[in-house]
Structures are given as structure tokens and as C-alpha cells.
Amino acid sequence: MTKQSTLKDTINKKVEELKGTMGLYEQTLKLIEKYPDLHEKTDRWNKRRLCSKKVNGVVNKCFIKHSCGCCADSPLEVWPYIIEGNILVFSDPCGILIGEANACGSGEIPNEGWQEDLREESISEEVINQVQKYLDENPPQPYDDEDDDW
């Protein structure tokens, strides 16, 4: 392979990357028209997400995760979203506190009234049901020190 053909391959690869980026920008511009309140939110790890209050009632998917990994009682959040094309559009607010990790064992400790908190934000019942299923599958369990072989 000559140096010129290698350079052409590199340029063609960059052109394809730019086409993908331009397609993403065009999709985002269409989303701005559909959701005029669309805005970008950056989390503490500099991950950027698109958010809109207009999707709160129609979100049908969610991430359920702890806001950090270092604390034994780390806050548990739900991040509701929909997929538009291949772009995730999150609710506003996007990360909603629903509980915390069980610091004295395993599982999750839900906040009292977490369902009402989500309903106050007009989050869909579909997402509320997904959160309930997750909490049902991850009940708080006390640490059993009889299993220790010290």
C-alpha cells in the first residue's frame, strides 16, 4: 500500500465520522423543534444528557443506579428516558432520588413516598412500575456475620 492510498483511507474514515456527527446534530435540531424546552445537563462525571419536561409523562425506560460507588449508603436514583431515533431524551428532572443502598447489608432502602415524588414530576406509571419491580427484586437484607470464617 502506498503512502497516498493510506492517506486517502485516513481521509475517507474521517469523512465517515463527520457524516455520523452531522447526522446526530441534525437529529438533535429536530428534537429541539419537537421539545422546545430541551436542554443539556452535565452530571458530576461530565456525562452530558438531553432533558425535557415534555417527555416526563411518556418516558418508558429508565436507568436505576447509585449516584456514587464509594459510599455504603449511596443515594439511589432513577433516570427516566425515551429513545428518539437513536438519541436518549431524559425527563426533567433527570436523576430523581428514590432511596439508598443498604449500608448494613445488601439491597436497597426505598424512600418513603418515592412513588408520589415521581408522580409529582409527572413521570409515567410505566417507569414507576419498573422502579417498583427493581425494588421488589432488591429488598434490604441484613448483613449475616455468621457466614464470616474469621
Protein backbone atom coordinates (compact mmCIF):
# COMPACT_ATOMS: atom_id res chain seq x y z
CA MET A 1 0.00 0.00 0.00
CA THR A 2 1.37 3.39 -0.96
CA LYS A 3 1.53 6.37 1.37
CA GLN A 4 -1.08 8.11 -0.82
CA SER A 5 -3.60 5.27 -0.52
CA THR A 6 -3.08 5.21 3.25
CA LEU A 7 -3.72 8.96 3.36
CA LYS A 8 -6.88 8.52 1.25
CA ASP A 9 -8.09 5.79 3.62
CA THR A 10 -7.50 8.09 6.59
CA ILE A 11 -9.39 10.94 4.93
CA ASN A 12 -12.29 8.66 3.95
CA LYS A 13 -12.51 7.39 7.53
CA LYS A 14 -12.64 10.97 8.85
CA VAL A 15 -15.36 11.89 6.31
CA GLU A 16 -17.48 8.94 7.52
CA GLU A 17 -17.01 10.03 11.13
CA LEU A 18 -18.10 13.57 10.22
CA LYS A 19 -21.21 12.23 8.45
CA GLY A 20 -22.18 10.40 11.63
CA THR A 21 -21.62 13.51 13.74
CA MET A 22 -23.62 15.68 11.33
CA GLY A 23 -26.48 13.15 11.42
CA LEU A 24 -26.51 13.36 15.22
CA TYR A 25 -26.62 17.17 15.08
CA GLU A 26 -29.47 17.09 12.56
CA GLN A 27 -31.45 14.70 14.78
CA THR A 28 -30.83 16.95 17.79
CA LEU A 29 -32.07 20.02 15.89
CA LYS A 30 -35.29 18.15 15.08
CA LEU A 31 -35.66 17.24 18.76
CA ILE A 32 -35.34 20.91 19.70
CA GLU A 33 -38.30 21.61 17.43
CA LYS A 34 -40.31 18.76 18.97
CA TYR A 35 -39.32 19.59 22.57
CA PRO A 36 -38.72 23.36 22.79
CA ASP A 37 -37.59 23.06 26.42
CA LEU A 38 -34.85 20.54 25.50
CA HIS A 39 -31.63 21.32 27.31
CA GLU A 40 -28.36 19.67 28.15
CA LYS A 41 -27.48 18.58 31.68
CA THR A 42 -23.98 17.58 32.71
CA ASP A 43 -23.54 15.27 35.70
CA ARG A 44 -20.69 15.20 38.19
CA TRP A 45 -18.66 12.96 35.86
CA ASN A 46 -19.15 15.34 32.91
CA LYS A 47 -21.56 13.00 31.12
CA ARG A 48 -23.97 15.11 29.07
CA ARG A 49 -27.64 14.24 28.66
CA LEU A 50 -30.53 15.85 26.83
CA CYS A 51 -33.51 16.55 29.12
CA SER A 52 -37.06 17.82 28.62
CA LYS A 53 -40.01 18.13 30.98
CA LYS A 54 -42.26 17.46 27.97
CA VAL A 55 -41.22 13.76 27.96
CA ASN A 56 -41.95 13.12 31.66
CA GLY A 57 -45.38 11.62 31.00
CA VAL A 58 -44.20 9.39 28.13
CA VAL A 59 -40.85 8.09 29.38
CA ASN A 60 -40.85 4.32 29.06
CA LYS A 61 -37.35 3.28 30.06
CA CYS A 62 -35.06 4.09 32.96
CA PHE A 63 -31.67 3.60 34.47
CA ILE A 64 -31.70 2.84 38.18
CA LYS A 65 -28.30 3.49 39.69
CA HIS A 66 -26.40 4.76 42.68
CA SER A 67 -25.08 8.29 42.43
CA CYS A 68 -21.66 7.14 43.63
CA GLY A 69 -19.83 3.93 44.29
CA CYS A 70 -17.77 4.89 47.29
CA CYS A 71 -20.45 5.28 49.97
CA ALA A 72 -22.05 2.26 51.64
CA ASP A 73 -25.37 4.14 51.76
CA SER A 74 -25.05 5.70 48.32
CA PRO A 75 -28.19 7.51 47.07
CA LEU A 76 -30.30 5.50 44.62
CA GLU A 77 -31.63 7.41 41.63
CA VAL A 78 -33.92 6.70 38.71
CA TRP A 79 -33.14 8.28 35.33
CA PRO A 80 -36.30 8.02 33.15
CA TYR A 81 -35.92 8.43 29.38
CA ILE A 82 -37.31 7.74 25.94
CA ILE A 83 -35.42 6.94 22.76
CA GLU A 84 -36.00 9.28 19.82
CA GLY A 85 -34.27 7.83 16.76
CA ASN A 86 -31.03 6.79 18.41
CA ILE A 87 -30.92 9.63 20.96
CA LEU A 88 -31.89 9.27 24.61
CA VAL A 89 -34.08 12.09 25.91
CA PHE A 90 -34.29 12.14 29.69
CA SER A 91 -37.03 13.51 31.89
CA ASP A 92 -36.60 16.80 33.71
CA PRO A 93 -35.51 16.36 36.42
CA CYS A 94 -33.38 13.57 35.01
CA GLY A 95 -31.93 11.93 38.13
CA ILE A 96 -34.61 11.53 40.81
CA LEU A 97 -33.76 10.25 44.28
CA ILE A 98 -35.77 7.13 45.20
CA GLY A 99 -33.76 5.60 48.04
CA GLU A 100 -30.33 4.48 49.13
CA ALA A 101 -28.14 1.41 49.33
CA ASN A 102 -28.50 -0.66 52.49
CA ALA A 103 -25.29 0.21 54.38
CA CYS A 104 -25.83 -2.64 56.87
CA GLY A 105 -26.30 -5.42 54.35
CA SER A 106 -27.42 -5.75 50.78
CA GLY A 107 -30.31 -4.48 48.71
CA GLU A 108 -31.97 -1.09 48.55
CA ILE A 109 -33.85 1.02 51.08
CA PRO A 110 -36.56 2.95 49.22
CA ASN A 111 -37.51 6.45 50.31
CA GLU A 112 -40.93 6.69 51.88
CA GLY A 113 -43.24 8.22 49.27
CA TRP A 114 -40.91 7.73 46.31
CA GLN A 115 -43.90 6.90 44.07
CA GLU A 116 -45.59 10.20 44.96
CA ASP A 117 -42.33 12.04 44.27
CA LEU A 118 -42.25 10.59 40.74
CA ARG A 119 -45.94 11.31 40.19
CA GLU A 120 -45.40 14.93 41.29
CA GLU A 121 -42.92 15.19 38.41
CA SER A 122 -45.50 13.54 36.06
CA ILE A 123 -43.23 10.54 35.47
CA SER A 124 -45.10 7.78 33.64
CA GLU A 125 -46.66 4.86 35.50
CA GLU A 126 -44.65 2.57 33.23
CA VAL A 127 -41.40 3.83 34.78
CA ILE A 128 -42.90 3.79 38.29
CA ASN A 129 -43.75 0.10 37.73
CA GLN A 130 -40.18 -0.59 36.55
CA VAL A 131 -38.80 1.02 39.70
CA GLN A 132 -41.20 -0.97 41.89
CA LYS A 133 -40.09 -4.20 40.20
CA TYR A 134 -36.44 -3.31 40.79
CA LEU A 135 -37.09 -2.54 44.47
CA ASP A 136 -39.10 -5.76 44.89
CA GLU A 137 -36.18 -7.72 43.42
CA ASN A 138 -33.61 -5.94 45.65
CA PRO A 139 -35.10 -5.78 49.16
CA PRO A 140 -32.85 -4.74 52.02
CA GLN A 141 -31.22 -7.76 53.64
CA PRO A 142 -29.24 -7.52 56.87
CA TYR A 143 -25.58 -8.46 56.84
CA ASP A 144 -25.16 -12.02 58.13
CA ASP A 145 -21.92 -12.14 60.11
CA GLU A 146 -22.35 -15.86 60.83
CA ASP A 147 -21.03 -16.51 57.33
CA ASP A 148 -17.66 -15.00 58.22
CA ASP A 149 -14.86 -17.53 58.70
CA TRP A 150 -12.64 -15.40 60.92
